[in-house]
Amino acid sequence: MSETSIETSQYERQNAIISYCFLGIFILLSRQERFQSHFINSHARVASIIQFLFLCLIALTVRSGNF
């Protein structure tokens, strides 16, 4: 079984991590060259989906009054 490794720089890893700090949507909307890596965009996309679902869950909880 062969493993494929993705070579990423420390800079790309840091930008991918930033997307999980509620900035994923802004990274996806950014036109700057430093955010155009596939690695960064894939993490930003996943982070945005997770954050959207989290906000929906909070809204439903507040609306139902079960908090």
PDB file of N, CA and C in Angstrom:
ATOM      1  N   MET A   1       0.854  -1.174   0.000  1.00  0.00           N
ATOM      2  CA  MET A   1       0.000   0.000   0.000  1.00  0.00           C
ATOM      3  C   MET A   1       0.894   1.229   0.000  1.00  0.00           C
ATOM      4  N   SER A   2       0.702   2.087  -0.956  1.00  0.00           N
ATOM      5  CA  SER A   2       1.557   3.265  -1.057  1.00  0.00           C
ATOM      6  C   SER A   2       0.844   4.486  -0.495  1.00  0.00           C
ATOM      7  N   GLU A   3       1.595   5.302   0.167  1.00  0.00           N
ATOM      8  CA  GLU A   3       1.065   6.536   0.713  1.00  0.00           C
ATOM      9  C   GLU A   3       1.471   7.680  -0.184  1.00  0.00           C
ATOM     10  N   THR A   4       0.546   8.563  -0.427  1.00  0.00           N
ATOM     11  CA  THR A   4       0.879   9.759  -1.176  1.00  0.00           C
ATOM     12  C   THR A   4       0.981  10.903  -0.189  1.00  0.00           C
ATOM     13  N   SER A   5       2.053  11.615  -0.266  1.00  0.00           N
ATOM     14  CA  SER A   5       2.225  12.738   0.652  1.00  0.00           C
ATOM     15  C   SER A   5       2.124  14.035  -0.127  1.00  0.00           C
ATOM     16  N   ILE A   6       1.485  14.980   0.473  1.00  0.00           N
ATOM     17  CA  ILE A   6       1.339  16.296  -0.124  1.00  0.00           C
ATOM     18  C   ILE A   6       2.406  17.180   0.495  1.00  0.00           C
ATOM     19  N   GLU A   7       3.241  17.716  -0.341  1.00  0.00           N
ATOM     20  CA  GLU A   7       4.269  18.629   0.139  1.00  0.00           C
ATOM     21  C   GLU A   7       3.667  20.013   0.309  1.00  0.00           C
ATOM     22  N   THR A   8       3.593  20.457   1.531  1.00  0.00           N
ATOM     23  CA  THR A   8       3.071  21.786   1.813  1.00  0.00           C
ATOM     24  C   THR A   8       4.082  22.542   2.643  1.00  0.00           C
ATOM     25  N   SER A   9       4.110  23.817   2.429  1.00  0.00           N
ATOM     26  CA  SER A   9       5.023  24.654   3.208  1.00  0.00           C
ATOM     27  C   SER A   9       4.378  24.989   4.552  1.00  0.00           C
ATOM     28  N   GLN A  10       5.182  25.468   5.443  1.00  0.00           N
ATOM     29  CA  GLN A  10       4.688  25.883   6.759  1.00  0.00           C
ATOM     30  C   GLN A  10       3.666  27.012   6.588  1.00  0.00           C
ATOM     31  N   TYR A  11       3.902  27.881   5.622  1.00  0.00           N
ATOM     32  CA  TYR A  11       2.998  29.000   5.345  1.00  0.00           C
ATOM     33  C   TYR A  11       1.620  28.494   4.913  1.00  0.00           C
ATOM     34  N   GLU A  12       1.577  27.481   4.053  1.00  0.00           N
ATOM     35  CA  GLU A  12       0.302  26.914   3.614  1.00  0.00           C
ATOM     36  C   GLU A  12      -0.428  26.237   4.759  1.00  0.00           C
ATOM     37  N   ARG A  13       0.300  25.544   5.603  1.00  0.00           N
ATOM     38  CA  ARG A  13      -0.331  24.885   6.758  1.00  0.00           C
ATOM     39  C   ARG A  13      -0.930  25.915   7.706  1.00  0.00           C
ATOM     40  N   GLN A  14      -0.224  27.009   7.930  1.00  0.00           N
ATOM     41  CA  GLN A  14      -0.738  28.049   8.822  1.00  0.00           C
ATOM     42  C   GLN A  14      -1.996  28.681   8.254  1.00  0.00           C
ATOM     43  N   ASN A  15      -2.022  28.935   6.950  1.00  0.00           N
ATOM     44  CA  ASN A  15      -3.218  29.507   6.333  1.00  0.00           C
ATOM     45  C   ASN A  15      -4.385  28.537   6.373  1.00  0.00           C
ATOM     46  N   ALA A  16      -4.126  27.249   6.245  1.00  0.00           N
ATOM     47  CA  ALA A  16      -5.202  26.254   6.343  1.00  0.00           C
ATOM     48  C   ALA A  16      -5.762  26.219   7.759  1.00  0.00           C
ATOM     49  N   ILE A  17      -4.922  26.338   8.753  1.00  0.00           N
ATOM     50  CA  ILE A  17      -5.373  26.341  10.148  1.00  0.00           C
ATOM     51  C   ILE A  17      -6.188  27.583  10.452  1.00  0.00           C
ATOM     52  N   ILE A  18      -5.804  28.713   9.879  1.00  0.00           N
ATOM     53  CA  ILE A  18      -6.530  29.961  10.102  1.00  0.00           C
ATOM     54  C   ILE A  18      -7.983  29.833   9.658  1.00  0.00           C
ATOM     55  N   SER A  19      -8.235  29.036   8.635  1.00  0.00           N
ATOM     56  CA  SER A  19      -9.610  28.903   8.130  1.00  0.00           C
ATOM     57  C   SER A  19     -10.548  28.303   9.168  1.00  0.00           C
ATOM     58  N   TYR A  20     -10.030  27.589  10.137  1.00  0.00           N
ATOM     59  CA  TYR A  20     -10.876  27.009  11.185  1.00  0.00           C
ATOM     60  C   TYR A  20     -11.188  28.001  12.296  1.00  0.00           C
ATOM     61  N   CYS A  21     -10.643  29.205  12.224  1.00  0.00           N
ATOM     62  CA  CYS A  21     -10.894  30.242  13.229  1.00  0.00           C
ATOM     63  C   CYS A  21     -11.967  31.204  12.735  1.00  0.00           C
ATOM     64  N   PHE A  22     -13.031  30.686  12.135  1.00  0.00           N
ATOM     65  CA  PHE A  22     -14.154  31.448  11.607  1.00  0.00           C
ATOM     66  C   PHE A  22     -13.736  32.431  10.516  1.00  0.00           C
ATOM     67  N   LEU A  23     -12.669  32.127   9.779  1.00  0.00           N
ATOM     68  CA  LEU A  23     -12.245  32.966   8.669  1.00  0.00           C
ATOM     69  C   LEU A  23     -12.269  32.219   7.344  1.00  0.00           C
ATOM     70  N   GLY A  24     -12.796  31.009   7.337  1.00  0.00           N
ATOM     71  CA  GLY A  24     -12.797  30.188   6.136  1.00  0.00           C
ATOM     72  C   GLY A  24     -13.509  30.828   4.962  1.00  0.00           C
ATOM     73  N   ILE A  25     -14.651  31.440   5.222  1.00  0.00           N
ATOM     74  CA  ILE A  25     -15.409  32.061   4.137  1.00  0.00           C
ATOM     75  C   ILE A  25     -14.626  33.221   3.531  1.00  0.00           C
ATOM     76  N   PHE A  26     -13.890  33.949   4.343  1.00  0.00           N
ATOM     77  CA  PHE A  26     -13.106  35.072   3.834  1.00  0.00           C
ATOM     78  C   PHE A  26     -11.925  34.591   2.999  1.00  0.00           C
ATOM     79  N   ILE A  27     -11.356  33.469   3.380  1.00  0.00           N
ATOM     80  CA  ILE A  27     -10.264  32.894   2.590  1.00  0.00           C
ATOM     81  C   ILE A  27     -10.786  32.436   1.236  1.00  0.00           C
ATOM     82  N   LEU A  28     -11.989  31.850   1.213  1.00  0.00           N
ATOM     83  CA  LEU A  28     -12.572  31.417  -0.053  1.00  0.00           C
ATOM     84  C   LEU A  28     -12.895  32.605  -0.960  1.00  0.00           C
ATOM     85  N   LEU A  29     -13.294  33.712  -0.382  1.00  0.00           N
ATOM     86  CA  LEU A  29     -13.647  34.893  -1.164  1.00  0.00           C
ATOM     87  C   LEU A  29     -12.438  35.737  -1.553  1.00  0.00           C
ATOM     88  N   SER A  30     -11.313  35.496  -0.927  1.00  0.00           N
ATOM     89  CA  SER A  30     -10.116  36.299  -1.173  1.00  0.00           C
ATOM     90  C   SER A  30      -9.564  36.068  -2.567  1.00  0.00           C
ATOM     91  N   ARG A  31      -9.059  37.115  -3.170  1.00  0.00           N
ATOM     92  CA  ARG A  31      -8.427  37.040  -4.491  1.00  0.00           C
ATOM     93  C   ARG A  31      -6.906  37.078  -4.384  1.00  0.00           C
ATOM     94  N   GLN A  32      -6.379  37.108  -3.164  1.00  0.00           N
ATOM     95  CA  GLN A  32      -4.931  37.184  -2.978  1.00  0.00           C
ATOM     96  C   GLN A  32      -4.272  35.872  -3.375  1.00  0.00           C
ATOM     97  N   GLU A  33      -3.110  35.977  -3.938  1.00  0.00           N
ATOM     98  CA  GLU A  33      -2.365  34.821  -4.432  1.00  0.00           C
ATOM     99  C   GLU A  33      -2.011  33.845  -3.307  1.00  0.00           C
ATOM    100  N   ARG A  34      -1.743  34.347  -2.128  1.00  0.00           N
ATOM    101  CA  ARG A  34      -1.299  33.473  -1.037  1.00  0.00           C
ATOM    102  C   ARG A  34      -2.387  32.525  -0.535  1.00  0.00           C
ATOM    103  N   PHE A  35      -3.656  32.788  -0.874  1.00  0.00           N
ATOM    104  CA  PHE A  35      -4.745  31.922  -0.446  1.00  0.00           C
ATOM    105  C   PHE A  35      -5.276  31.045  -1.574  1.00  0.00           C
ATOM    106  N   GLN A  36      -4.615  30.964  -2.706  1.00  0.00           N
ATOM    107  CA  GLN A  36      -5.125  30.247  -3.861  1.00  0.00           C
ATOM    108  C   GLN A  36      -4.657  28.800  -3.950  1.00  0.00           C
ATOM    109  N   SER A  37      -3.930  28.323  -2.984  1.00  0.00           N
ATOM    110  CA  SER A  37      -3.467  26.935  -2.987  1.00  0.00           C
ATOM    111  C   SER A  37      -4.659  25.984  -2.821  1.00  0.00           C
ATOM    112  N   HIS A  38      -4.605  24.850  -3.497  1.00  0.00           N
ATOM    113  CA  HIS A  38      -5.677  23.846  -3.382  1.00  0.00           C
ATOM    114  C   HIS A  38      -5.798  23.348  -1.940  1.00  0.00           C
ATOM    115  N   PHE A  39      -4.666  23.160  -1.269  1.00  0.00           N
ATOM    116  CA  PHE A  39      -4.639  22.698   0.116  1.00  0.00           C
ATOM    117  C   PHE A  39      -5.384  23.680   1.025  1.00  0.00           C
ATOM    118  N   ILE A  40      -5.117  24.953   0.863  1.00  0.00           N
ATOM    119  CA  ILE A  40      -5.754  25.982   1.691  1.00  0.00           C
ATOM    120  C   ILE A  40      -7.241  26.063   1.369  1.00  0.00           C
ATOM    121  N   ASN A  41      -7.582  26.053   0.086  1.00  0.00           N
ATOM    122  CA  ASN A  41      -8.991  26.150  -0.302  1.00  0.00           C
ATOM    123  C   ASN A  41      -9.808  24.956   0.181  1.00  0.00           C
ATOM    124  N   SER A  42      -9.240  23.772   0.146  1.00  0.00           N
ATOM    125  CA  SER A  42      -9.998  22.611   0.602  1.00  0.00           C
ATOM    126  C   SER A  42     -10.263  22.690   2.107  1.00  0.00           C
ATOM    127  N   HIS A  43      -9.279  23.152   2.877  1.00  0.00           N
ATOM    128  CA  HIS A  43      -9.493  23.312   4.314  1.00  0.00           C
ATOM    129  C   HIS A  43     -10.477  24.437   4.598  1.00  0.00           C
ATOM    130  N   ALA A  44     -10.393  25.522   3.847  1.00  0.00           N
ATOM    131  CA  ALA A  44     -11.319  26.637   4.042  1.00  0.00           C
ATOM    132  C   ALA A  44     -12.749  26.216   3.726  1.00  0.00           C
ATOM    133  N   ARG A  45     -12.925  25.401   2.706  1.00  0.00           N
ATOM    134  CA  ARG A  45     -14.257  24.923   2.327  1.00  0.00           C
ATOM    135  C   ARG A  45     -14.850  24.042   3.433  1.00  0.00           C
ATOM    136  N   VAL A  46     -14.063  23.115   3.932  1.00  0.00           N
ATOM    137  CA  VAL A  46     -14.538  22.229   5.006  1.00  0.00           C
ATOM    138  C   VAL A  46     -14.825  23.032   6.268  1.00  0.00           C
ATOM    139  N   ALA A  47     -13.939  23.973   6.597  1.00  0.00           N
ATOM    140  CA  ALA A  47     -14.143  24.793   7.789  1.00  0.00           C
ATOM    141  C   ALA A  47     -15.409  25.629   7.671  1.00  0.00           C
ATOM    142  N   SER A  48     -15.678  26.159   6.499  1.00  0.00           N
ATOM    143  CA  SER A  48     -16.877  26.974   6.302  1.00  0.00           C
ATOM    144  C   SER A  48     -18.137  26.147   6.478  1.00  0.00           C
ATOM    145  N   ILE A  49     -18.130  24.926   5.985  1.00  0.00           N
ATOM    146  CA  ILE A  49     -19.290  24.047   6.145  1.00  0.00           C
ATOM    147  C   ILE A  49     -19.516  23.706   7.616  1.00  0.00           C
ATOM    148  N   ILE A  50     -18.444  23.373   8.319  1.00  0.00           N
ATOM    149  CA  ILE A  50     -18.543  23.056   9.749  1.00  0.00           C
ATOM    150  C   ILE A  50     -19.067  24.255  10.528  1.00  0.00           C
ATOM    151  N   GLN A  51     -18.553  25.441  10.223  1.00  0.00           N
ATOM    152  CA  GLN A  51     -18.974  26.642  10.936  1.00  0.00           C
ATOM    153  C   GLN A  51     -20.423  26.994  10.636  1.00  0.00           C
ATOM    154  N   PHE A  52     -20.851  26.807   9.378  1.00  0.00           N
ATOM    155  CA  PHE A  52     -22.236  27.070   9.025  1.00  0.00           C
ATOM    156  C   PHE A  52     -23.175  26.137   9.781  1.00  0.00           C
ATOM    157  N   LEU A  53     -22.827  24.860   9.827  1.00  0.00           N
ATOM    158  CA  LEU A  53     -23.656  23.896  10.565  1.00  0.00           C
ATOM    159  C   LEU A  53     -23.674  24.204  12.058  1.00  0.00           C
ATOM    160  N   PHE A  54     -22.553  24.649  12.598  1.00  0.00           N
ATOM    161  CA  PHE A  54     -22.482  25.023  14.011  1.00  0.00           C
ATOM    162  C   PHE A  54     -23.392  26.220  14.294  1.00  0.00           C
ATOM    163  N   LEU A  55     -23.362  27.218  13.427  1.00  0.00           N
ATOM    164  CA  LEU A  55     -24.222  28.391  13.621  1.00  0.00           C
ATOM    165  C   LEU A  55     -25.692  28.031  13.477  1.00  0.00           C
ATOM    166  N   CYS A  56     -26.005  27.118  12.562  1.00  0.00           N
ATOM    167  CA  CYS A  56     -27.391  26.642  12.434  1.00  0.00           C
ATOM    168  C   CYS A  56     -27.837  25.925  13.704  1.00  0.00           C
ATOM    169  N   LEU A  57     -26.971  25.115  14.254  1.00  0.00           N
ATOM    170  CA  LEU A  57     -27.288  24.410  15.494  1.00  0.00           C
ATOM    171  C   LEU A  57     -27.532  25.383  16.636  1.00  0.00           C
ATOM    172  N   ILE A  58     -26.707  26.408  16.737  1.00  0.00           N
ATOM    173  CA  ILE A  58     -26.899  27.423  17.783  1.00  0.00           C
ATOM    174  C   ILE A  58     -28.227  28.144  17.579  1.00  0.00           C
ATOM    175  N   ALA A  59     -28.520  28.522  16.337  1.00  0.00           N
ATOM    176  CA  ALA A  59     -29.782  29.224  16.051  1.00  0.00           C
ATOM    177  C   ALA A  59     -30.983  28.354  16.392  1.00  0.00           C
ATOM    178  N   LEU A  60     -30.930  27.079  16.045  1.00  0.00           N
ATOM    179  CA  LEU A  60     -32.039  26.185  16.375  1.00  0.00           C
ATOM    180  C   LEU A  60     -32.193  25.991  17.877  1.00  0.00           C
ATOM    181  N   THR A  61     -31.092  25.924  18.583  1.00  0.00           N
ATOM    182  CA  THR A  61     -31.138  25.757  20.034  1.00  0.00           C
ATOM    183  C   THR A  61     -31.732  26.994  20.700  1.00  0.00           C
ATOM    184  N   VAL A  62     -31.311  28.170  20.275  1.00  0.00           N
ATOM    185  CA  VAL A  62     -31.845  29.403  20.852  1.00  0.00           C
ATOM    186  C   VAL A  62     -33.324  29.557  20.517  1.00  0.00           C
ATOM    187  N   ARG A  63     -33.672  29.243  19.294  1.00  0.00           N
ATOM    188  CA  ARG A  63     -35.076  29.375  18.877  1.00  0.00           C
ATOM    189  C   ARG A  63     -35.997  28.408  19.628  1.00  0.00           C
ATOM    190  N   SER A  64     -35.507  27.216  19.904  1.00  0.00           N
ATOM    191  CA  SER A  64     -36.356  26.232  20.595  1.00  0.00           C
ATOM    192  C   SER A  64     -36.470  26.506  22.091  1.00  0.00           C
ATOM    193  N   GLY A  65     -35.556  27.308  22.627  1.00  0.00           N
ATOM    194  CA  GLY A  65     -35.600  27.636  24.041  1.00  0.00           C
ATOM    195  C   GLY A  65     -35.040  26.573  24.944  1.00  0.00           C
ATOM    196  N   ASN A  66     -34.316  25.618  24.415  1.00  0.00           N
ATOM    197  CA  ASN A  66     -33.748  24.520  25.215  1.00  0.00           C
ATOM    198  C   ASN A  66     -32.273  24.771  25.561  1.00  0.00           C
ATOM    199  N   PHE A  67     -31.968  25.918  26.008  1.00  0.00           N
ATOM    200  CA  PHE A  67     -30.569  26.196  26.342  1.00  0.00           C
ATOM    201  C   PHE A  67     -30.393  26.574  27.780  1.00  0.00           C
TER     202      PHE A  67
END
